[in-house]
Amino acid sequence: MSNTQNLYSPKFIIASTLFWVIINLVSICFLAEEDSRWFRVANSLYFLIWSCSLGVLKPKINYVLIAYLICDIALVYYEIAVFNFITFLARSLIFFLLIFIVFPKIRSVKFNFFELILGIVVIAINIYLSFELLGMVPEAYLYNSFSPAYLMLTALTILLIGLAFTYNNRFSSRRSFYFLLGTLFLALSDVNFFIAFYLEVPSFYYPDRFFHILALGLILLFGITPLEGSAYNNIEQQDLKL
């Protein structure tokens, strides 16, 4: 039982996440970027096997892990148009699933006038920046479905970040904070990958990989089901149901 608790604890997730962050950053340093992408796959597969073996996560989070793995596998062949498109779809699925998980918790939240105006302004700025970034993509990387896939992912990103902030403001718990950070790190990973790949600045692969793996670890901390009697089980009870 003690061994199960050790594998089941947030400390194990944190230690495993840091391990994979280090391994992936080292792989970028010593391998070609295309080869180092397999370490992203290894990270996602590791946590999926861990989750399925122990049953430590809610099923909805397991779906996020599967989407993560599909995304990472497709990204290995990102230069090929069909895999590029699959990467966008899988990444969008991650965001959609996270929205699906958290939305029922905040659908009854009401906003005041100032919050609505501020939210509209922030969304407008993000939409403008998204189109600016789209215009920077070299024509060699464009294909028929690229723009719709990119804009779909952008819209889901904006929506998820807004929901994550609302969720954290409502509950102010460790779980909601993990979710907020995980969401922000996912978005930061995408931005850094965009700069590294499309604007050809390879040094940005490092923060991309760092935020990508850290985001997964935070999502797992959000989704872990506490063992009865464990210290982690003291989190606010109304925030436990996924």
C-alpha atoms as a PDB file:
ATOM      1  CA  MET A   1       0.000   0.000   0.000  1.00  0.00           C
ATOM      2  CA  SER A   2       2.825   2.382   0.834  1.00  0.00           C
ATOM      3  CA  ASN A   3       4.401   1.824  -2.596  1.00  0.00           C
ATOM      4  CA  THR A   4       1.076   2.623  -4.247  1.00  0.00           C
ATOM      5  CA  GLN A   5       0.743   5.790  -2.198  1.00  0.00           C
ATOM      6  CA  ASN A   6       4.245   6.832  -3.239  1.00  0.00           C
ATOM      7  CA  LEU A   7       3.383   6.416  -6.917  1.00  0.00           C
ATOM      8  CA  TYR A   8       0.018   8.033  -6.315  1.00  0.00           C
ATOM      9  CA  SER A   9       1.231  11.187  -4.575  1.00  0.00           C
ATOM     10  CA  PRO A  10       1.605  14.705  -5.986  1.00  0.00           C
ATOM     11  CA  LYS A  11       5.303  14.469  -5.060  1.00  0.00           C
ATOM     12  CA  PHE A  12       5.702  11.608  -7.534  1.00  0.00           C
ATOM     13  CA  ILE A  13       4.075  13.676 -10.295  1.00  0.00           C
ATOM     14  CA  ILE A  14       6.313  16.646  -9.502  1.00  0.00           C
ATOM     15  CA  ALA A  15       9.487  14.525  -9.439  1.00  0.00           C
ATOM     16  CA  SER A  16       8.533  12.738 -12.682  1.00  0.00           C
ATOM     17  CA  THR A  17       7.698  16.017 -14.408  1.00  0.00           C
ATOM     18  CA  LEU A  18      11.019  17.586 -13.438  1.00  0.00           C
ATOM     19  CA  PHE A  19      12.835  14.433 -14.610  1.00  0.00           C
ATOM     20  CA  TRP A  20      11.197  14.624 -18.043  1.00  0.00           C
ATOM     21  CA  VAL A  21      11.800  18.368 -18.293  1.00  0.00           C
ATOM     22  CA  ILE A  22      15.525  17.819 -17.758  1.00  0.00           C
ATOM     23  CA  ILE A  23      15.690  14.855 -20.152  1.00  0.00           C
ATOM     24  CA  ASN A  24      13.886  16.784 -22.874  1.00  0.00           C
ATOM     25  CA  LEU A  25      16.008  19.911 -22.528  1.00  0.00           C
ATOM     26  CA  VAL A  26      19.159  17.798 -22.687  1.00  0.00           C
ATOM     27  CA  SER A  27      17.821  16.030 -25.793  1.00  0.00           C
ATOM     28  CA  ILE A  28      17.304  19.381 -27.535  1.00  0.00           C
ATOM     29  CA  CYS A  29      20.851  20.370 -26.637  1.00  0.00           C
ATOM     30  CA  PHE A  30      22.516  17.228 -28.008  1.00  0.00           C
ATOM     31  CA  LEU A  31      20.137  15.956 -30.687  1.00  0.00           C
ATOM     32  CA  ALA A  32      18.528  17.407 -33.777  1.00  0.00           C
ATOM     33  CA  GLU A  33      15.189  18.981 -32.916  1.00  0.00           C
ATOM     34  CA  GLU A  34      13.322  16.434 -35.031  1.00  0.00           C
ATOM     35  CA  ASP A  35      14.966  13.560 -33.116  1.00  0.00           C
ATOM     36  CA  SER A  36      14.424  15.184 -29.725  1.00  0.00           C
ATOM     37  CA  ARG A  37      10.675  15.265 -30.348  1.00  0.00           C
ATOM     38  CA  TRP A  38      10.547  11.553 -29.548  1.00  0.00           C
ATOM     39  CA  PHE A  39      11.305  12.459 -25.942  1.00  0.00           C
ATOM     40  CA  ARG A  40       8.051  14.422 -25.875  1.00  0.00           C
ATOM     41  CA  VAL A  41       6.322  11.230 -26.958  1.00  0.00           C
ATOM     42  CA  ALA A  42       8.135   9.255 -24.246  1.00  0.00           C
ATOM     43  CA  ASN A  43       6.971  11.731 -21.612  1.00  0.00           C
ATOM     44  CA  SER A  44       3.310  11.549 -22.645  1.00  0.00           C
ATOM     45  CA  LEU A  45       3.407   7.758 -22.971  1.00  0.00           C
ATOM     46  CA  TYR A  46       5.034   7.421 -19.544  1.00  0.00           C
ATOM     47  CA  PHE A  47       2.266   9.335 -17.778  1.00  0.00           C
ATOM     48  CA  LEU A  48      -0.475   7.573 -19.758  1.00  0.00           C
ATOM     49  CA  ILE A  49       0.887   4.142 -18.763  1.00  0.00           C
ATOM     50  CA  TRP A  50       1.267   5.350 -15.169  1.00  0.00           C
ATOM     51  CA  SER A  51      -2.325   6.542 -15.068  1.00  0.00           C
ATOM     52  CA  CYS A  52      -3.828   3.461 -16.697  1.00  0.00           C
ATOM     53  CA  SER A  53      -1.792   1.118 -14.478  1.00  0.00           C
ATOM     54  CA  LEU A  54      -2.826   2.703 -11.176  1.00  0.00           C
ATOM     55  CA  GLY A  55      -6.192   4.238 -12.031  1.00  0.00           C
ATOM     56  CA  VAL A  56      -5.152   7.427 -10.258  1.00  0.00           C
ATOM     57  CA  LEU A  57      -6.868   9.933 -12.533  1.00  0.00           C
ATOM     58  CA  LYS A  58     -10.437  10.692 -13.438  1.00  0.00           C
ATOM     59  CA  PRO A  59     -11.383   9.308 -16.903  1.00  0.00           C
ATOM     60  CA  LYS A  60     -11.716  12.805 -18.361  1.00  0.00           C
ATOM     61  CA  ILE A  61      -8.076  13.537 -17.545  1.00  0.00           C
ATOM     62  CA  ASN A  62      -7.068  10.246 -19.165  1.00  0.00           C
ATOM     63  CA  TYR A  63      -8.668  11.514 -22.378  1.00  0.00           C
ATOM     64  CA  VAL A  64      -6.483  14.618 -22.093  1.00  0.00           C
ATOM     65  CA  LEU A  65      -3.438  12.349 -21.742  1.00  0.00           C
ATOM     66  CA  ILE A  66      -4.432  10.423 -24.874  1.00  0.00           C
ATOM     67  CA  ALA A  67      -4.854  13.678 -26.805  1.00  0.00           C
ATOM     68  CA  TYR A  68      -1.458  14.810 -25.496  1.00  0.00           C
ATOM     69  CA  LEU A  69       0.147  11.596 -26.786  1.00  0.00           C
ATOM     70  CA  ILE A  70      -1.508  11.891 -30.215  1.00  0.00           C
ATOM     71  CA  CYS A  71      -0.347  15.493 -30.449  1.00  0.00           C
ATOM     72  CA  ASP A  72       3.241  14.597 -29.570  1.00  0.00           C
ATOM     73  CA  ILE A  73       3.371  11.671 -32.013  1.00  0.00           C
ATOM     74  CA  ALA A  74       2.013  13.817 -34.852  1.00  0.00           C
ATOM     75  CA  LEU A  75       4.467  16.586 -33.993  1.00  0.00           C
ATOM     76  CA  VAL A  76       7.402  14.236 -34.709  1.00  0.00           C
ATOM     77  CA  TYR A  77       6.428  14.554 -38.384  1.00  0.00           C
ATOM     78  CA  TYR A  78       5.230  18.166 -38.127  1.00  0.00           C
ATOM     79  CA  GLU A  79       6.859  19.197 -41.422  1.00  0.00           C
ATOM     80  CA  ILE A  80       4.463  16.896 -43.319  1.00  0.00           C
ATOM     81  CA  ALA A  81       1.158  18.679 -43.953  1.00  0.00           C
ATOM     82  CA  VAL A  82      -1.165  15.870 -42.848  1.00  0.00           C
ATOM     83  CA  PHE A  83       0.683  15.414 -39.542  1.00  0.00           C
ATOM     84  CA  ASN A  84       0.821  19.168 -39.126  1.00  0.00           C
ATOM     85  CA  PHE A  85      -2.970  19.221 -39.375  1.00  0.00           C
ATOM     86  CA  ILE A  86      -3.327  16.282 -36.954  1.00  0.00           C
ATOM     87  CA  THR A  87      -1.128  18.132 -34.476  1.00  0.00           C
ATOM     88  CA  PHE A  88      -3.449  21.128 -34.615  1.00  0.00           C
ATOM     89  CA  LEU A  89      -6.504  18.900 -34.176  1.00  0.00           C
ATOM     90  CA  ALA A  90      -5.002  16.988 -31.246  1.00  0.00           C
ATOM     91  CA  ARG A  91      -3.830  20.197 -29.579  1.00  0.00           C
ATOM     92  CA  SER A  92      -7.298  21.662 -30.040  1.00  0.00           C
ATOM     93  CA  LEU A  93      -8.770  18.491 -28.526  1.00  0.00           C
ATOM     94  CA  ILE A  94      -6.618  18.995 -25.401  1.00  0.00           C
ATOM     95  CA  PHE A  95      -8.001  22.501 -24.983  1.00  0.00           C
ATOM     96  CA  PHE A  96     -11.559  21.399 -25.734  1.00  0.00           C
ATOM     97  CA  LEU A  97     -11.415  18.602 -23.153  1.00  0.00           C
ATOM     98  CA  LEU A  98     -10.070  20.974 -20.499  1.00  0.00           C
ATOM     99  CA  ILE A  99     -12.864  23.431 -21.305  1.00  0.00           C
ATOM    100  CA  PHE A 100     -15.386  20.580 -21.055  1.00  0.00           C
ATOM    101  CA  ILE A 101     -14.002  19.613 -17.632  1.00  0.00           C
ATOM    102  CA  VAL A 102     -13.983  23.054 -16.036  1.00  0.00           C
ATOM    103  CA  PHE A 103     -16.989  24.755 -17.637  1.00  0.00           C
ATOM    104  CA  PRO A 104     -19.676  23.068 -15.453  1.00  0.00           C
ATOM    105  CA  LYS A 105     -17.921  24.446 -12.365  1.00  0.00           C
ATOM    106  CA  ILE A 106     -18.239  28.086 -13.455  1.00  0.00           C
ATOM    107  CA  ARG A 107     -21.282  28.292 -15.718  1.00  0.00           C
ATOM    108  CA  SER A 108     -23.310  29.977 -12.962  1.00  0.00           C
ATOM    109  CA  VAL A 109     -20.673  32.662 -12.305  1.00  0.00           C
ATOM    110  CA  LYS A 110     -21.872  36.206 -12.974  1.00  0.00           C
ATOM    111  CA  PHE A 111     -19.576  39.039 -14.066  1.00  0.00           C
ATOM    112  CA  ASN A 112     -19.867  42.744 -13.372  1.00  0.00           C
ATOM    113  CA  PHE A 113     -19.746  45.354 -16.135  1.00  0.00           C
ATOM    114  CA  PHE A 114     -16.058  46.184 -15.646  1.00  0.00           C
ATOM    115  CA  GLU A 115     -15.053  42.514 -15.840  1.00  0.00           C
ATOM    116  CA  LEU A 116     -17.042  42.068 -19.047  1.00  0.00           C
ATOM    117  CA  ILE A 117     -15.455  45.115 -20.701  1.00  0.00           C
ATOM    118  CA  LEU A 118     -11.978  44.045 -19.616  1.00  0.00           C
ATOM    119  CA  GLY A 119     -12.592  40.534 -20.916  1.00  0.00           C
ATOM    120  CA  ILE A 120     -13.785  41.850 -24.294  1.00  0.00           C
ATOM    121  CA  VAL A 121     -10.707  44.074 -24.621  1.00  0.00           C
ATOM    122  CA  VAL A 122      -8.327  41.238 -23.767  1.00  0.00           C
ATOM    123  CA  ILE A 123     -10.059  38.899 -26.233  1.00  0.00           C
ATOM    124  CA  ALA A 124      -9.928  41.571 -28.957  1.00  0.00           C
ATOM    125  CA  ILE A 125      -6.189  42.095 -28.404  1.00  0.00           C
ATOM    126  CA  ASN A 126      -5.534  38.358 -28.541  1.00  0.00           C
ATOM    127  CA  ILE A 127      -7.535  37.973 -31.747  1.00  0.00           C
ATOM    128  CA  TYR A 128      -5.549  40.807 -33.339  1.00  0.00           C
ATOM    129  CA  LEU A 129      -2.226  39.272 -32.278  1.00  0.00           C
ATOM    130  CA  SER A 130      -3.333  35.873 -33.561  1.00  0.00           C
ATOM    131  CA  PHE A 131      -3.956  37.255 -37.043  1.00  0.00           C
ATOM    132  CA  GLU A 132      -0.628  39.082 -36.917  1.00  0.00           C
ATOM    133  CA  LEU A 133       1.158  35.822 -36.111  1.00  0.00           C
ATOM    134  CA  LEU A 134      -0.748  34.014 -38.844  1.00  0.00           C
ATOM    135  CA  GLY A 135       0.525  36.594 -41.315  1.00  0.00           C
ATOM    136  CA  MET A 136       4.112  35.766 -40.302  1.00  0.00           C
ATOM    137  CA  VAL A 137       3.871  32.102 -41.321  1.00  0.00           C
ATOM    138  CA  PRO A 138       6.045  31.516 -44.418  1.00  0.00           C
ATOM    139  CA  GLU A 139       4.081  30.464 -47.486  1.00  0.00           C
ATOM    140  CA  ALA A 140       6.073  27.240 -47.701  1.00  0.00           C
ATOM    141  CA  TYR A 141       4.301  25.998 -44.545  1.00  0.00           C
ATOM    142  CA  LEU A 142       0.785  26.944 -45.599  1.00  0.00           C
ATOM    143  CA  TYR A 143      -1.771  24.443 -46.887  1.00  0.00           C
ATOM    144  CA  ASN A 144      -5.541  24.571 -47.454  1.00  0.00           C
ATOM    145  CA  SER A 145      -6.595  23.691 -43.907  1.00  0.00           C
ATOM    146  CA  PHE A 146      -3.802  25.515 -42.072  1.00  0.00           C
ATOM    147  CA  SER A 147      -5.598  28.788 -41.358  1.00  0.00           C
ATOM    148  CA  PRO A 148      -8.872  27.204 -40.087  1.00  0.00           C
ATOM    149  CA  ALA A 149      -6.917  24.784 -37.883  1.00  0.00           C
ATOM    150  CA  TYR A 150      -4.729  27.579 -36.519  1.00  0.00           C
ATOM    151  CA  LEU A 151      -7.683  29.879 -35.828  1.00  0.00           C
ATOM    152  CA  MET A 152      -9.663  27.074 -34.159  1.00  0.00           C
ATOM    153  CA  LEU A 153      -6.763  26.376 -31.804  1.00  0.00           C
ATOM    154  CA  THR A 154      -6.365  30.097 -31.107  1.00  0.00           C
ATOM    155  CA  ALA A 155     -10.065  30.509 -30.269  1.00  0.00           C
ATOM    156  CA  LEU A 156      -9.991  27.512 -27.915  1.00  0.00           C
ATOM    157  CA  THR A 157      -6.834  28.854 -26.266  1.00  0.00           C
ATOM    158  CA  ILE A 158      -8.418  32.240 -25.562  1.00  0.00           C
ATOM    159  CA  LEU A 159     -11.601  30.617 -24.252  1.00  0.00           C
ATOM    160  CA  LEU A 160      -9.729  28.176 -22.008  1.00  0.00           C
ATOM    161  CA  ILE A 161      -7.522  30.859 -20.475  1.00  0.00           C
ATOM    162  CA  GLY A 162     -10.574  32.977 -19.691  1.00  0.00           C
ATOM    163  CA  LEU A 163     -12.333  30.010 -18.081  1.00  0.00           C
ATOM    164  CA  ALA A 164      -9.186  29.072 -16.134  1.00  0.00           C
ATOM    165  CA  PHE A 165      -8.919  32.550 -14.592  1.00  0.00           C
ATOM    166  CA  THR A 166     -12.624  32.503 -13.708  1.00  0.00           C
ATOM    167  CA  TYR A 167     -12.334  29.024 -12.219  1.00  0.00           C
ATOM    168  CA  ASN A 168      -9.346  30.014 -10.081  1.00  0.00           C
ATOM    169  CA  ASN A 169     -11.056  33.208  -8.899  1.00  0.00           C
ATOM    170  CA  ARG A 170     -14.081  31.213  -7.804  1.00  0.00           C
ATOM    171  CA  PHE A 171     -12.351  28.399  -5.908  1.00  0.00           C
ATOM    172  CA  SER A 172      -8.883  29.795  -5.045  1.00  0.00           C
ATOM    173  CA  SER A 173      -7.705  26.248  -4.307  1.00  0.00           C
ATOM    174  CA  ARG A 174      -4.531  24.404  -5.144  1.00  0.00           C
ATOM    175  CA  ARG A 175      -6.374  22.445  -7.804  1.00  0.00           C
ATOM    176  CA  SER A 176      -7.735  25.547  -9.505  1.00  0.00           C
ATOM    177  CA  PHE A 177      -4.287  27.168  -9.358  1.00  0.00           C
ATOM    178  CA  TYR A 178      -2.687  24.084 -10.935  1.00  0.00           C
ATOM    179  CA  PHE A 179      -5.304  24.247 -13.684  1.00  0.00           C
ATOM    180  CA  LEU A 180      -4.678  27.942 -14.297  1.00  0.00           C
ATOM    181  CA  LEU A 181      -0.898  27.502 -14.491  1.00  0.00           C
ATOM    182  CA  GLY A 182      -1.241  24.423 -16.691  1.00  0.00           C
ATOM    183  CA  THR A 183      -3.453  26.355 -19.092  1.00  0.00           C
ATOM    184  CA  LEU A 184      -1.086  29.322 -19.258  1.00  0.00           C
ATOM    185  CA  PHE A 185       1.920  27.043 -19.790  1.00  0.00           C
ATOM    186  CA  LEU A 186       0.147  25.252 -22.645  1.00  0.00           C
ATOM    187  CA  ALA A 187      -0.431  28.595 -24.344  1.00  0.00           C
ATOM    188  CA  LEU A 188       3.161  29.703 -23.711  1.00  0.00           C
ATOM    189  CA  SER A 189       4.407  26.430 -25.165  1.00  0.00           C
ATOM    190  CA  ASP A 190       2.446  27.051 -28.360  1.00  0.00           C
ATOM    191  CA  VAL A 191       3.761  30.604 -28.704  1.00  0.00           C
ATOM    192  CA  ASN A 192       7.363  29.513 -28.210  1.00  0.00           C
ATOM    193  CA  PHE A 193       7.004  26.638 -30.679  1.00  0.00           C
ATOM    194  CA  PHE A 194       5.525  29.045 -33.218  1.00  0.00           C
ATOM    195  CA  ILE A 195       8.533  31.361 -32.862  1.00  0.00           C
ATOM    196  CA  ALA A 196      11.021  28.470 -32.948  1.00  0.00           C
ATOM    197  CA  PHE A 197       9.520  26.687 -35.966  1.00  0.00           C
ATOM    198  CA  TYR A 198       7.851  29.294 -38.157  1.00  0.00           C
ATOM    199  CA  LEU A 199      10.139  32.245 -37.404  1.00  0.00           C
ATOM    200  CA  GLU A 200      13.177  29.923 -37.309  1.00  0.00           C
ATOM    201  CA  VAL A 201      14.559  30.881 -33.894  1.00  0.00           C
ATOM    202  CA  PRO A 202      15.732  27.487 -32.538  1.00  0.00           C
ATOM    203  CA  SER A 203      16.516  28.734 -29.021  1.00  0.00           C
ATOM    204  CA  PHE A 204      12.757  28.995 -28.391  1.00  0.00           C
ATOM    205  CA  TYR A 205      12.466  25.203 -28.542  1.00  0.00           C
ATOM    206  CA  TYR A 206      13.795  25.159 -24.981  1.00  0.00           C
ATOM    207  CA  PRO A 207      10.969  27.193 -23.376  1.00  0.00           C
ATOM    208  CA  ASP A 208       8.484  25.406 -25.660  1.00  0.00           C
ATOM    209  CA  ARG A 209       9.485  22.004 -24.316  1.00  0.00           C
ATOM    210  CA  PHE A 210       9.782  23.288 -20.741  1.00  0.00           C
ATOM    211  CA  PHE A 211       6.260  24.729 -20.697  1.00  0.00           C
ATOM    212  CA  HIS A 212       4.786  21.786 -22.638  1.00  0.00           C
ATOM    213  CA  ILE A 213       5.903  19.173 -20.110  1.00  0.00           C
ATOM    214  CA  LEU A 214       5.329  21.356 -17.063  1.00  0.00           C
ATOM    215  CA  ALA A 215       1.779  22.015 -18.255  1.00  0.00           C
ATOM    216  CA  LEU A 216       1.087  18.280 -18.383  1.00  0.00           C
ATOM    217  CA  GLY A 217       2.425  17.812 -14.857  1.00  0.00           C
ATOM    218  CA  LEU A 218       0.178  20.594 -13.559  1.00  0.00           C
ATOM    219  CA  ILE A 219      -2.860  19.131 -15.312  1.00  0.00           C
ATOM    220  CA  LEU A 220      -2.103  15.791 -13.651  1.00  0.00           C
ATOM    221  CA  LEU A 221      -1.865  17.502 -10.255  1.00  0.00           C
ATOM    222  CA  PHE A 222      -5.247  19.058 -11.000  1.00  0.00           C
ATOM    223  CA  GLY A 223      -6.766  15.738 -12.039  1.00  0.00           C
ATOM    224  CA  ILE A 224      -5.349  13.322  -9.481  1.00  0.00           C
ATOM    225  CA  THR A 225      -7.920  11.572  -7.296  1.00  0.00           C
ATOM    226  CA  PRO A 226      -6.745  11.798  -3.655  1.00  0.00           C
ATOM    227  CA  LEU A 227      -6.383   8.593  -1.660  1.00  0.00           C
ATOM    228  CA  GLU A 228      -8.705   8.431   1.321  1.00  0.00           C
ATOM    229  CA  GLY A 229      -6.940   9.889   4.336  1.00  0.00           C
ATOM    230  CA  SER A 230      -4.087  11.412   2.336  1.00  0.00           C
ATOM    231  CA  ALA A 231      -2.902  14.956   2.995  1.00  0.00           C
ATOM    232  CA  TYR A 232      -3.906  15.973  -0.512  1.00  0.00           C
ATOM    233  CA  ASN A 233      -7.498  15.060   0.322  1.00  0.00           C
ATOM    234  CA  ASN A 234      -7.872  18.229   2.393  1.00  0.00           C
ATOM    235  CA  ILE A 235      -8.483  20.339  -0.706  1.00  0.00           C
ATOM    236  CA  GLU A 236     -11.871  22.036  -0.838  1.00  0.00           C
ATOM    237  CA  GLN A 237     -14.450  19.293  -1.391  1.00  0.00           C
ATOM    238  CA  GLN A 238     -16.609  21.283  -3.798  1.00  0.00           C
ATOM    239  CA  ASP A 239     -13.646  21.438  -6.182  1.00  0.00           C
ATOM    240  CA  LEU A 240     -12.977  17.698  -6.327  1.00  0.00           C
ATOM    241  CA  LYS A 241     -15.602  16.468  -8.786  1.00  0.00           C
ATOM    242  CA  LEU A 242     -14.400  16.511 -12.382  1.00  0.00           C
END
